[in-house]
């Protein structure tokens, strides 16, 4: 059953995933919403309920955005995450 709070939009862009502040994996987004995203990570070591940070550039190419997220599911195709405490400016960048 679907429990998303907002609609996901299919969009691909480069990401950098961080664990405890250190970059650990390069990946590509598959879709994104105001509350979460699915990341094409392939076979990975991310576990359910694990916290990570996701770094990417805003649509203007200038704004660097780093969001905390928690893994809600994973498979061979990738990892689904829910954002943790998104602020006003971050929400504006996500909306764009």
N, C-alpha and C. Protein backbone atom coordinates (compact mmCIF):
# COMPACT_ATOMS: atom_id res chain seq x y z
N UNK A 1 0.83 -1.18 0.00
CA UNK A 1 0.00 0.00 0.00
C UNK A 1 0.88 1.25 0.00
N UNK A 2 0.47 2.23 -0.75
CA UNK A 2 1.22 3.47 -0.91
C UNK A 2 1.01 4.40 0.29
N UNK A 3 2.11 4.92 0.86
CA UNK A 3 2.01 5.80 2.03
C UNK A 3 2.69 7.14 1.80
N UNK A 4 2.98 7.49 0.57
CA UNK A 4 3.69 8.74 0.31
C UNK A 4 2.81 9.94 0.58
N UNK A 5 3.43 11.00 1.08
CA UNK A 5 2.71 12.23 1.39
C UNK A 5 2.64 13.17 0.19
N UNK A 6 3.52 12.99 -0.78
CA UNK A 6 3.53 13.85 -1.96
C UNK A 6 3.88 13.03 -3.19
N UNK A 7 3.51 13.54 -4.35
CA UNK A 7 3.71 12.84 -5.61
C UNK A 7 5.18 12.84 -6.00
N UNK A 8 5.66 11.69 -6.46
CA UNK A 8 7.05 11.62 -6.93
C UNK A 8 7.11 12.00 -8.41
N UNK A 9 8.16 12.70 -8.77
CA UNK A 9 8.38 13.12 -10.15
C UNK A 9 9.61 12.39 -10.68
N UNK A 10 9.47 11.78 -11.83
CA UNK A 10 10.58 11.03 -12.43
C UNK A 10 11.62 12.03 -12.94
N UNK A 11 12.80 11.96 -12.36
CA UNK A 11 13.89 12.87 -12.75
C UNK A 11 15.22 12.19 -12.39
N UNK A 12 16.19 12.32 -13.29
CA UNK A 12 17.50 11.72 -13.06
C UNK A 12 18.56 12.80 -12.94
N UNK A 13 19.36 12.71 -11.88
CA UNK A 13 20.51 13.58 -11.71
C UNK A 13 21.51 12.91 -10.79
N UNK A 14 22.74 13.35 -10.86
CA UNK A 14 23.84 12.77 -10.09
C UNK A 14 23.73 13.13 -8.62
N UNK A 15 24.05 12.18 -7.77
CA UNK A 15 24.03 12.36 -6.32
C UNK A 15 25.34 11.89 -5.73
N UNK A 16 25.63 12.35 -4.56
CA UNK A 16 26.74 11.83 -3.77
C UNK A 16 26.16 11.46 -2.42
N UNK A 17 26.34 10.21 -2.01
CA UNK A 17 25.80 9.72 -0.75
C UNK A 17 26.89 9.74 0.31
N UNK A 18 26.52 10.19 1.49
CA UNK A 18 27.45 10.35 2.61
C UNK A 18 27.01 9.47 3.78
N UNK A 19 27.97 8.91 4.46
CA UNK A 19 27.73 8.18 5.71
C UNK A 19 28.64 8.82 6.75
N UNK A 20 28.04 9.30 7.83
CA UNK A 20 28.77 9.96 8.91
C UNK A 20 29.66 11.09 8.39
N UNK A 21 29.12 11.86 7.44
CA UNK A 21 29.83 13.02 6.90
C UNK A 21 30.85 12.74 5.83
N UNK A 22 31.11 11.47 5.52
CA UNK A 22 32.11 11.12 4.51
C UNK A 22 31.43 10.60 3.25
N UNK A 23 31.86 11.09 2.05
CA UNK A 23 31.28 10.59 0.82
C UNK A 23 31.63 9.12 0.61
N UNK A 24 30.61 8.29 0.34
CA UNK A 24 30.86 6.85 0.21
C UNK A 24 30.37 6.26 -1.10
N UNK A 25 29.45 6.95 -1.80
CA UNK A 25 28.93 6.37 -3.03
C UNK A 25 28.38 7.45 -3.96
N UNK A 26 28.66 7.29 -5.24
CA UNK A 26 28.06 8.10 -6.27
C UNK A 26 26.84 7.34 -6.78
N UNK A 27 25.75 8.04 -7.07
CA UNK A 27 24.53 7.37 -7.51
C UNK A 27 23.73 8.31 -8.40
N UNK A 28 22.60 7.81 -8.91
CA UNK A 28 21.70 8.58 -9.76
C UNK A 28 20.29 8.46 -9.20
N UNK A 29 19.57 9.58 -9.13
CA UNK A 29 18.19 9.53 -8.66
C UNK A 29 17.30 8.93 -9.75
N UNK A 30 16.20 8.32 -9.34
CA UNK A 30 15.20 7.83 -10.29
C UNK A 30 13.95 8.70 -10.22
N UNK A 31 13.51 9.00 -9.01
CA UNK A 31 12.38 9.90 -8.84
C UNK A 31 12.52 10.60 -7.49
N UNK A 32 11.79 11.73 -7.37
CA UNK A 32 11.93 12.54 -6.17
C UNK A 32 10.59 13.22 -5.86
N UNK A 33 10.38 13.50 -4.59
CA UNK A 33 9.21 14.26 -4.14
C UNK A 33 9.66 15.18 -3.02
N UNK A 34 8.71 15.88 -2.42
CA UNK A 34 9.02 16.75 -1.29
C UNK A 34 9.43 15.94 -0.06
N UNK A 35 9.03 14.66 -0.02
CA UNK A 35 9.27 13.87 1.19
C UNK A 35 10.30 12.75 1.04
N UNK A 36 10.71 12.42 -0.18
CA UNK A 36 11.68 11.34 -0.35
C UNK A 36 12.10 11.13 -1.78
N UNK A 37 12.88 10.08 -2.01
CA UNK A 37 13.34 9.77 -3.36
C UNK A 37 13.75 8.32 -3.47
N UNK A 38 13.81 7.83 -4.72
CA UNK A 38 14.36 6.51 -4.98
C UNK A 38 15.68 6.74 -5.71
N UNK A 39 16.72 6.05 -5.25
CA UNK A 39 18.07 6.25 -5.77
C UNK A 39 18.54 4.95 -6.41
N UNK A 40 18.99 5.05 -7.66
CA UNK A 40 19.56 3.89 -8.35
C UNK A 40 20.97 3.65 -7.80
N UNK A 41 21.05 2.81 -6.79
CA UNK A 41 22.34 2.52 -6.16
C UNK A 41 22.87 1.16 -6.56
N UNK A 42 22.04 0.35 -7.23
CA UNK A 42 22.44 -1.02 -7.53
C UNK A 42 22.56 -1.80 -6.24
N UNK A 43 23.28 -2.91 -6.30
CA UNK A 43 23.50 -3.69 -5.08
C UNK A 43 24.34 -2.84 -4.14
N UNK A 44 23.83 -2.58 -2.97
CA UNK A 44 24.52 -1.66 -2.06
C UNK A 44 24.45 -2.17 -0.63
N UNK A 45 25.14 -1.48 0.23
CA UNK A 45 25.19 -1.89 1.62
C UNK A 45 24.28 -1.07 2.52
N UNK A 46 23.37 -0.28 1.95
CA UNK A 46 22.46 0.51 2.76
C UNK A 46 21.41 -0.40 3.38
N UNK A 47 21.16 -0.23 4.67
CA UNK A 47 20.19 -1.05 5.39
C UNK A 47 18.96 -0.22 5.75
N UNK A 48 17.83 -0.90 5.91
CA UNK A 48 16.60 -0.23 6.32
C UNK A 48 16.83 0.48 7.66
N UNK A 49 16.30 1.69 7.78
CA UNK A 49 16.41 2.56 8.96
C UNK A 49 17.80 3.16 9.15
N UNK A 50 18.68 2.99 8.20
CA UNK A 50 20.01 3.60 8.28
C UNK A 50 19.92 5.06 7.81
N UNK A 51 20.63 5.96 8.52
CA UNK A 51 20.65 7.36 8.15
C UNK A 51 21.81 7.63 7.20
N UNK A 52 21.57 8.52 6.22
CA UNK A 52 22.59 8.93 5.28
C UNK A 52 22.32 10.36 4.89
N UNK A 53 23.26 10.97 4.21
CA UNK A 53 23.06 12.31 3.67
C UNK A 53 23.19 12.22 2.17
N UNK A 54 22.36 13.01 1.48
CA UNK A 54 22.34 13.01 0.02
C UNK A 54 22.75 14.40 -0.44
N UNK A 55 23.79 14.48 -1.24
CA UNK A 55 24.27 15.75 -1.76
C UNK A 55 24.02 15.87 -3.24
N UNK A 56 23.47 17.00 -3.67
CA UNK A 56 23.26 17.26 -5.10
C UNK A 56 23.15 18.75 -5.34
N UNK A 57 23.25 19.15 -6.61
CA UNK A 57 23.15 20.56 -6.98
C UNK A 57 21.72 20.90 -7.29
N UNK A 58 21.35 22.14 -7.02
CA UNK A 58 20.02 22.62 -7.36
C UNK A 58 19.88 22.79 -8.86
N UNK A 59 18.67 23.09 -9.31
CA UNK A 59 18.41 23.22 -10.74
C UNK A 59 19.21 24.34 -11.38
N UNK A 60 19.60 25.35 -10.60
CA UNK A 60 20.38 26.45 -11.15
C UNK A 60 21.86 26.08 -11.29
N UNK A 61 22.22 24.88 -10.81
CA UNK A 61 23.61 24.43 -10.90
C UNK A 61 24.50 25.07 -9.86
N UNK A 62 23.99 26.04 -9.14
CA UNK A 62 24.77 26.77 -8.15
C UNK A 62 24.50 26.27 -6.74
N UNK A 63 23.23 26.08 -6.41
CA UNK A 63 22.84 25.72 -5.05
C UNK A 63 23.21 24.27 -4.74
N UNK A 64 24.08 24.10 -3.77
CA UNK A 64 24.43 22.76 -3.31
C UNK A 64 23.47 22.42 -2.19
N UNK A 65 22.83 21.27 -2.30
CA UNK A 65 21.86 20.86 -1.32
C UNK A 65 22.31 19.54 -0.71
N UNK A 66 22.28 19.48 0.61
CA UNK A 66 22.63 18.25 1.32
C UNK A 66 21.49 17.96 2.28
N UNK A 67 20.82 16.81 2.08
CA UNK A 67 19.68 16.45 2.89
C UNK A 67 19.95 15.19 3.68
N UNK A 68 19.50 15.19 4.93
CA UNK A 68 19.55 13.97 5.73
C UNK A 68 18.34 13.13 5.35
N UNK A 69 18.53 11.81 5.34
CA UNK A 69 17.44 10.91 4.97
C UNK A 69 17.61 9.59 5.70
N UNK A 70 16.52 8.83 5.74
CA UNK A 70 16.55 7.50 6.34
C UNK A 70 16.10 6.51 5.26
N UNK A 71 16.77 5.37 5.21
CA UNK A 71 16.43 4.32 4.24
C UNK A 71 15.13 3.66 4.68
N UNK A 72 14.12 3.65 3.79
CA UNK A 72 12.85 3.01 4.12
C UNK A 72 12.70 1.65 3.42
N UNK A 73 13.41 1.46 2.31
CA UNK A 73 13.44 0.15 1.66
C UNK A 73 14.62 0.08 0.70
N UNK A 74 15.03 -1.12 0.35
CA UNK A 74 16.10 -1.30 -0.62
C UNK A 74 15.89 -2.61 -1.37
N UNK A 75 16.46 -2.66 -2.55
CA UNK A 75 16.38 -3.86 -3.39
C UNK A 75 17.62 -3.90 -4.26
N UNK A 76 17.66 -4.84 -5.18
CA UNK A 76 18.81 -4.92 -6.10
C UNK A 76 18.87 -3.70 -7.00
N UNK A 77 17.73 -3.06 -7.24
CA UNK A 77 17.67 -1.89 -8.13
C UNK A 77 18.10 -0.60 -7.46
N UNK A 78 17.88 -0.50 -6.16
CA UNK A 78 18.24 0.75 -5.51
C UNK A 78 17.67 0.88 -4.12
N UNK A 79 17.63 2.13 -3.67
CA UNK A 79 17.28 2.45 -2.29
C UNK A 79 16.23 3.55 -2.25
N UNK A 80 15.17 3.33 -1.47
CA UNK A 80 14.15 4.35 -1.25
C UNK A 80 14.41 5.03 0.07
N UNK A 81 14.41 6.36 0.06
CA UNK A 81 14.68 7.11 1.28
C UNK A 81 13.58 8.12 1.55
N UNK A 82 13.43 8.46 2.83
CA UNK A 82 12.52 9.51 3.26
C UNK A 82 13.38 10.61 3.86
N UNK A 83 13.15 11.84 3.41
CA UNK A 83 13.92 12.97 3.92
C UNK A 83 13.60 13.22 5.38
N UNK A 84 14.61 13.68 6.12
CA UNK A 84 14.47 13.97 7.54
C UNK A 84 14.54 15.48 7.73
N UNK A 85 13.46 16.10 8.17
CA UNK A 85 13.42 17.52 8.51
C UNK A 85 13.90 18.43 7.38
N UNK A 86 13.05 18.63 6.39
CA UNK A 86 13.35 19.51 5.27
C UNK A 86 12.89 20.92 5.60
N UNK A 87 13.81 21.90 5.50
CA UNK A 87 13.50 23.29 5.81
C UNK A 87 12.90 24.02 4.61
N UNK A 88 12.55 25.29 4.80
CA UNK A 88 11.90 26.09 3.77
C UNK A 88 12.72 26.25 2.51
N UNK A 89 13.99 26.62 2.63
CA UNK A 89 14.86 26.81 1.46
C UNK A 89 15.09 25.48 0.75
N UNK A 90 15.28 24.42 1.50
CA UNK A 90 15.47 23.10 0.90
C UNK A 90 14.21 22.66 0.17
N UNK A 91 13.05 22.92 0.75
CA UNK A 91 11.78 22.57 0.11
C UNK A 91 11.61 23.35 -1.21
N UNK A 92 12.02 24.63 -1.21
CA UNK A 92 11.93 25.44 -2.43
C UNK A 92 12.80 24.85 -3.54
N UNK A 93 14.02 24.44 -3.19
CA UNK A 93 14.92 23.83 -4.18
C UNK A 93 14.36 22.51 -4.68
N UNK A 94 13.82 21.70 -3.78
CA UNK A 94 13.21 20.43 -4.18
C UNK A 94 12.03 20.66 -5.11
N UNK A 95 11.22 21.65 -4.81
CA UNK A 95 10.05 21.95 -5.64
C UNK A 95 10.48 22.34 -7.05
N UNK A 96 11.56 23.11 -7.16
CA UNK A 96 12.05 23.55 -8.47
C UNK A 96 12.57 22.36 -9.24
